[in-house]
Amino acid sequence: MLTLVRSRVRTAALALSAVVALAVGATATTATTDAAAAPAPAPAAAKQGPVSVAYVEVNNNSMLNVGKYTLAGGGGNVFDVAVIFAANINYDTGTKTAYLHFNENVQRVLDNAATQIRPLQQKGIKVLLSVLGNHQGAGFANFPSQQAASAFAKQLSDAVATYGLDGIDFDDEYAQYGTNGTGQPNASSFVHLMTALRANMPNKIISLYNIGPAASRLSYGGVDVSSKFDYAWNPYYGSWQVPGISLPKSKLSPAAVEIGRTSQTTTADLARRTVSEAYGVFLTYNLDGSNRSADVSAFTRQLYGSDAVYTP
């Protein structure tokens, strides 16, 4: 049976521009002789194939799990992008404004960036912060003004700068538009937010989990923000669905799998189709701390022609 919604674990406060090919350099080892040093070995070939994305539920799992998978056939990391799941867009009923909120688990990851984020980035893995609604009425699609959207965009870009992140991921679920007297989704809100955020961080990644009112409101007043996204992906695990956004295939993931729940057969089929139809991204969700090399190999064999190796 297809998993058609995220099975998310939440605390009470619940909570890529191109991805660089990951070049794995072989450390040059020089064997000296009486005559001369032997030539250094050539560096390993860079990974070829779609960008692989891993969402991590940090309420329960470590971001470092993303860096524990490499390709047996060479080419380096399995995953190119790691997504911290998730920060929240919350609502202050006193000031009637949206604000960026981190629950204690997200805050712990960010506060310990040196040990939780930098090791991934040092491997060449991009680290994004996903932002999600939190049942309070605030969402990406109901800012009351352009100024309000720009103010939230600044909070996002400030967080990226403060914690040394590689970008932002938008997930317009669980906002409960209308709660606390908030407005219903409007046509301008997400366009203003995306325009301001891209201006604030022109060289960072912005991705779209293609769901919710915001995802269907990408054009307003003659401005279409579709091209401002680096990636967009299917939000329904175990299925194939091309995101309805005007981006090239290289930036789209029609395939989505939940590691440990989507069968290995389905995972392999989705990966095979990703390659055969020339899409450039493959989305995975809920990477945990177990050895998931069998589940991961189900897609790496199809995407990269190699099994995945797990190193604790």
Protein backbone atom coordinates (compact mmCIF):
# COMPACT_ATOMS: atom_id res chain seq x y z
CA MET A 1 0.00 0.00 0.00
CA LEU A 2 1.28 3.46 -0.82
CA THR A 3 2.22 5.75 2.01
CA LEU A 4 0.37 8.91 0.93
CA VAL A 5 1.09 11.20 3.85
CA ARG A 6 4.02 11.78 6.12
CA SER A 7 4.02 9.72 9.28
CA ARG A 8 5.58 12.44 11.38
CA VAL A 9 6.70 12.25 15.00
CA ARG A 10 6.19 15.60 16.70
CA THR A 11 6.70 17.19 20.10
CA ALA A 12 3.98 19.52 21.37
CA ALA A 13 5.64 22.32 19.41
CA LEU A 14 6.21 20.41 16.12
CA ALA A 15 7.82 21.49 14.62
CA LEU A 16 19.01 22.45 -3.68
CA SER A 17 21.33 27.27 -7.68
CA ALA A 18 22.78 23.89 -8.44
CA VAL A 19 23.93 21.14 -6.11
CA VAL A 20 27.65 20.62 -6.47
CA ALA A 21 28.77 17.22 -7.69
CA LEU A 22 30.53 15.50 -4.82
CA ALA A 23 34.12 14.94 -5.77
CA VAL A 24 35.81 12.33 -3.66
CA GLY A 25 39.49 13.03 -3.72
CA ALA A 26 41.78 10.14 -3.08
CA THR A 27 44.43 11.25 -0.61
CA ALA A 28 47.70 11.21 -2.40
CA THR A 29 50.01 8.68 -0.79
CA THR A 30 53.57 9.01 -1.88
CA ALA A 31 55.88 6.02 -1.72
CA THR A 32 59.43 7.28 -1.93
CA THR A 33 62.31 5.27 -3.35
CA ASP A 34 66.00 6.00 -3.71
CA ALA A 35 65.30 7.36 -7.17
CA ALA A 36 62.02 9.34 -7.02
CA ALA A 37 58.54 9.42 -5.55
CA ALA A 38 55.89 7.31 -7.26
CA PRO A 39 53.07 9.29 -8.92
CA ALA A 40 50.01 9.97 -6.76
CA PRO A 41 46.91 7.95 -7.62
CA ALA A 42 44.26 9.70 -9.68
CA PRO A 43 41.27 11.03 -7.73
CA ALA A 44 38.15 8.87 -7.69
CA ALA A 45 35.44 9.76 -10.18
CA ALA A 46 32.74 12.14 -9.00
CA LYS A 47 29.32 10.64 -8.35
CA GLN A 48 27.15 10.63 -11.45
CA GLY A 49 23.37 10.60 -11.29
CA PRO A 50 20.44 12.30 -9.57
CA VAL A 51 20.73 14.37 -6.41
CA SER A 52 19.66 12.31 -3.37
CA VAL A 53 17.82 14.07 -0.54
CA ALA A 54 17.31 12.84 3.04
CA TYR A 55 14.84 14.38 5.49
CA VAL A 56 15.72 13.66 9.12
CA GLU A 57 13.18 13.88 11.96
CA VAL A 58 15.49 15.48 14.50
CA ASN A 59 13.00 14.99 17.32
CA ASN A 60 14.17 11.38 17.24
CA ASN A 61 17.22 11.02 15.02
CA SER A 62 20.65 12.52 14.40
CA MET A 63 21.53 14.54 11.34
CA LEU A 64 24.85 12.71 11.32
CA ASN A 65 23.09 9.59 10.03
CA VAL A 66 23.02 11.20 6.58
CA GLY A 67 26.81 11.10 6.36
CA LYS A 68 27.09 7.41 7.23
CA TYR A 69 26.22 6.14 3.75
CA THR A 70 28.70 5.93 0.90
CA LEU A 71 28.71 4.20 -2.47
CA ALA A 72 30.51 0.87 -2.57
CA GLY A 73 31.51 1.48 -6.16
CA GLY A 74 33.23 4.79 -5.40
CA GLY A 75 31.92 8.29 -5.93
CA GLY A 76 31.45 9.25 -2.31
CA ASN A 77 28.32 10.07 -0.34
CA VAL A 78 24.96 8.55 -1.10
CA PHE A 79 23.15 11.71 -0.01
CA ASP A 80 23.78 15.16 -1.43
CA VAL A 81 21.25 17.10 0.64
CA ALA A 82 20.22 16.68 4.29
CA VAL A 83 17.07 18.41 5.54
CA ILE A 84 16.56 19.30 9.20
CA PHE A 85 12.93 18.45 9.89
CA ALA A 86 11.54 20.75 11.10
CA ALA A 87 11.36 24.34 12.27
CA ASN A 88 7.94 26.02 12.42
CA ILE A 89 6.12 29.11 11.33
CA ASN A 90 4.28 30.12 14.52
CA TYR A 91 1.85 32.93 15.29
CA ASP A 92 2.10 35.59 18.00
CA THR A 93 -1.49 36.43 18.95
CA GLY A 94 -0.38 39.58 20.76
CA THR A 95 1.46 41.21 17.88
CA LYS A 96 -0.53 39.32 15.24
CA THR A 97 2.62 38.34 13.40
CA ALA A 98 4.21 35.14 12.18
CA TYR A 99 7.59 34.16 13.56
CA LEU A 100 10.17 31.43 13.08
CA HIS A 101 10.18 28.89 15.90
CA PHE A 102 12.60 26.09 16.78
CA ASN A 103 11.50 23.36 19.14
CA GLU A 104 14.10 22.12 21.62
CA ASN A 105 15.34 19.38 19.28
CA VAL A 106 15.79 21.66 16.28
CA GLN A 107 17.40 24.28 18.51
CA ARG A 108 19.83 21.68 19.85
CA VAL A 109 20.93 20.76 16.32
CA LEU A 110 21.43 24.41 15.40
CA ASP A 111 23.23 25.29 18.63
CA ASN A 112 25.56 22.35 18.05
CA ALA A 113 26.19 23.08 14.40
CA ALA A 114 29.91 22.37 14.87
CA THR A 115 29.17 18.73 15.62
CA GLN A 116 25.79 18.17 13.93
CA ILE A 117 25.96 20.19 10.71
CA ARG A 118 29.59 20.99 9.84
CA PRO A 119 30.64 17.31 9.60
CA LEU A 120 28.06 16.83 6.86
CA GLN A 121 29.05 20.01 5.05
CA GLN A 122 32.69 18.98 5.24
CA LYS A 123 31.72 15.84 3.33
CA GLY A 124 30.08 18.02 0.67
CA ILE A 125 26.50 17.46 1.86
CA LYS A 126 24.24 20.52 1.79
CA VAL A 127 22.15 21.08 4.92
CA LEU A 128 18.74 22.75 4.67
CA LEU A 129 16.24 23.81 7.32
CA SER A 130 12.66 22.73 6.62
CA VAL A 131 9.93 25.08 7.86
CA LEU A 132 6.49 23.71 8.64
CA GLY A 133 3.15 25.01 9.91
CA ASN A 134 2.30 24.46 13.57
CA HIS A 135 -1.51 24.51 13.93
CA GLN A 136 -1.54 28.20 14.90
CA GLY A 137 -2.98 29.80 11.77
CA ALA A 138 0.27 31.20 10.40
CA GLY A 139 1.39 29.87 7.05
CA PHE A 140 3.36 30.88 4.00
CA ALA A 141 0.18 31.72 2.09
CA ASN A 142 -1.62 34.16 4.41
CA PHE A 143 0.70 37.04 5.23
CA PRO A 144 -1.50 40.14 5.48
CA SER A 145 0.96 42.35 3.58
CA GLN A 146 4.12 42.36 1.52
CA GLN A 147 5.92 43.87 4.50
CA ALA A 148 4.87 40.98 6.72
CA ALA A 149 6.07 38.44 4.16
CA SER A 150 9.40 40.26 3.83
CA ALA A 151 9.82 40.33 7.61
CA PHE A 152 9.43 36.55 7.81
CA ALA A 153 11.80 36.11 4.87
CA LYS A 154 14.41 38.04 6.85
CA GLN A 155 13.96 35.71 9.82
CA LEU A 156 14.61 32.77 7.51
CA SER A 157 17.67 34.24 5.85
CA ASP A 158 19.02 35.37 9.23
CA ALA A 159 18.72 31.79 10.53
CA VAL A 160 20.59 30.48 7.49
CA ALA A 161 23.37 33.02 8.06
CA THR A 162 23.50 32.57 11.84
CA TYR A 163 23.81 28.80 11.78
CA GLY A 164 25.79 28.44 8.56
CA LEU A 165 23.10 26.53 6.69
CA ASP A 166 22.83 25.96 2.95
CA GLY A 167 19.20 26.93 2.50
CA ILE A 168 15.50 26.67 3.34
CA ASP A 169 12.86 24.07 2.53
CA PHE A 170 9.16 25.07 2.50
CA ASP A 171 6.52 22.59 3.68
CA ASP A 172 3.05 24.15 3.80
CA GLU A 173 1.29 21.64 6.04
CA TYR A 174 -0.41 21.91 9.44
CA ALA A 175 -0.82 25.70 9.30
CA GLN A 176 -4.54 25.47 10.03
CA TYR A 177 -5.26 28.69 8.20
CA GLY A 178 -7.91 30.78 9.98
CA THR A 179 -6.96 29.66 13.50
CA ASN A 180 -6.39 32.52 15.99
CA GLY A 181 -8.20 34.91 13.67
CA THR A 182 -5.63 34.54 10.90
CA GLY A 183 -6.57 34.95 7.27
CA GLN A 184 -7.21 32.34 4.64
CA PRO A 185 -4.60 31.73 1.90
CA ASN A 186 -4.23 34.62 -0.52
CA ALA A 187 -2.68 34.91 -3.95
CA SER A 188 0.16 37.30 -3.13
CA SER A 189 1.63 35.98 0.10
CA PHE A 190 3.98 33.23 -1.03
CA VAL A 191 5.10 35.21 -4.07
CA HIS A 192 6.14 38.09 -1.81
CA LEU A 193 7.85 35.69 0.62
CA MET A 194 9.81 33.89 -2.10
CA THR A 195 10.79 37.11 -3.85
CA ALA A 196 12.17 38.57 -0.63
CA LEU A 197 13.91 35.37 0.46
CA ARG A 198 15.64 34.88 -2.88
CA ALA A 199 16.80 38.49 -2.80
CA ASN A 200 18.17 37.95 0.72
CA MET A 201 20.06 34.77 -0.17
CA PRO A 202 20.72 34.64 -3.91
CA ASN A 203 23.25 31.84 -3.66
CA LYS A 204 21.50 29.53 -1.21
CA ILE A 205 19.17 26.62 -1.90
CA ILE A 206 15.39 27.04 -1.67
CA SER A 207 13.32 23.88 -2.07
CA LEU A 208 9.61 23.16 -2.17
CA TYR A 209 7.83 20.20 -0.65
CA ASN A 210 5.07 20.41 -3.20
CA ILE A 211 1.98 20.47 -1.00
CA GLY A 212 -0.48 22.92 0.55
CA PRO A 213 -1.93 26.28 -0.48
CA ALA A 214 1.46 27.92 -0.98
CA ALA A 215 2.53 25.36 -3.58
CA SER A 216 -0.41 26.28 -5.80
CA ARG A 217 0.08 30.04 -5.45
CA LEU A 218 3.36 30.73 -7.22
CA SER A 219 2.25 33.56 -9.49
CA TYR A 220 0.84 36.99 -8.67
CA GLY A 221 0.76 40.40 -10.34
CA GLY A 222 2.75 39.22 -13.33
CA VAL A 223 5.47 37.68 -11.13
CA ASP A 224 6.01 33.90 -11.21
CA VAL A 225 8.43 32.66 -8.55
CA SER A 226 8.71 29.08 -9.87
CA SER A 227 12.18 29.70 -11.26
CA LYS A 228 13.40 31.00 -7.89
CA PHE A 229 13.30 27.45 -6.48
CA ASP A 230 16.27 25.17 -6.79
CA TYR A 231 14.24 21.99 -6.27
CA ALA A 232 10.70 20.73 -5.84
CA TRP A 233 9.58 17.25 -4.86
CA ASN A 234 6.62 14.93 -4.60
CA PRO A 235 5.22 14.86 -1.02
CA TYR A 236 3.54 11.43 -1.22
CA TYR A 237 5.80 8.58 -0.16
CA GLY A 238 5.80 5.38 -2.13
CA SER A 239 4.40 7.12 -5.20
CA TRP A 240 5.34 8.84 -8.44
CA GLN A 241 3.99 12.35 -8.98
CA VAL A 242 5.66 15.08 -11.01
CA PRO A 243 5.54 18.37 -9.04
CA GLY A 244 3.32 20.91 -10.79
CA ILE A 245 5.92 23.66 -11.01
CA SER A 246 7.73 25.11 -14.00
CA LEU A 247 11.21 23.78 -13.35
CA PRO A 248 13.42 21.61 -15.55
CA LYS A 249 13.47 17.86 -14.92
CA SER A 250 16.93 18.20 -13.39
CA LYS A 251 15.39 20.05 -10.44
CA LEU A 252 12.38 17.80 -9.82
CA SER A 253 11.79 14.62 -7.82
CA PRO A 254 8.60 12.84 -8.90
CA ALA A 255 9.71 9.88 -6.74
CA ALA A 256 9.41 9.92 -2.96
CA VAL A 257 10.16 7.10 -0.52
CA GLU A 258 10.00 6.67 3.22
CA ILE A 259 13.02 4.69 4.31
CA GLY A 260 11.99 1.59 6.22
CA ARG A 261 8.34 1.82 5.14
CA THR A 262 8.36 2.02 1.36
CA SER A 263 9.18 -1.48 0.12
CA GLN A 264 12.54 -2.07 -1.47
CA THR A 265 10.79 -3.25 -4.64
CA THR A 266 8.81 0.00 -4.91
CA THR A 267 11.90 2.03 -4.05
CA ALA A 268 13.89 0.34 -6.80
CA ASP A 269 11.07 0.83 -9.32
CA LEU A 270 10.83 4.54 -8.49
CA ALA A 271 14.59 4.98 -8.76
CA ARG A 272 14.68 3.13 -12.06
CA ARG A 273 11.94 5.38 -13.42
CA THR A 274 13.79 8.47 -12.18
CA VAL A 275 16.75 7.51 -14.34
CA SER A 276 14.77 6.31 -17.35
CA GLU A 277 12.71 9.51 -17.47
CA ALA A 278 15.75 11.73 -16.84
CA TYR A 279 14.70 13.41 -13.59
CA GLY A 280 17.45 14.92 -11.50
CA VAL A 281 16.40 14.44 -7.87
CA PHE A 282 15.40 11.49 -5.64
CA LEU A 283 13.64 12.23 -2.34
CA THR A 284 13.81 10.14 0.83
CA TYR A 285 12.23 10.71 4.21
CA ASN A 286 12.83 9.61 7.80
CA LEU A 287 16.39 8.35 7.74
CA ASP A 288 16.98 6.98 11.22
CA GLY A 289 19.95 5.58 13.14
CA SER A 290 19.52 1.96 12.10
CA ASN A 291 21.63 0.33 9.43
CA ARG A 292 19.37 0.99 6.45
CA SER A 293 21.90 -0.05 3.82
CA ALA A 294 19.48 -2.57 2.26
CA ASP A 295 16.76 0.07 1.86
CA VAL A 296 19.25 2.65 0.62
CA SER A 297 20.90 0.20 -1.79
CA ALA A 298 17.48 -0.41 -3.34
CA PHE A 299 17.71 3.05 -4.90
CA THR A 300 21.47 3.53 -5.19
CA ARG A 301 21.80 0.48 -7.45
CA GLN A 302 19.38 2.11 -9.89
CA LEU A 303 20.59 5.69 -9.55
CA TYR A 304 24.34 5.13 -9.35
CA GLY A 305 25.00 1.48 -10.21
CA SER A 306 26.34 0.77 -6.74
CA ASP A 307 25.31 -0.67 -3.39
CA ALA A 308 25.31 1.61 -0.36
CA VAL A 309 27.71 1.02 2.51
CA TYR A 310 26.78 2.00 6.07
CA THR A 311 29.59 3.07 8.39
CA PRO A 312 28.45 3.60 12.01
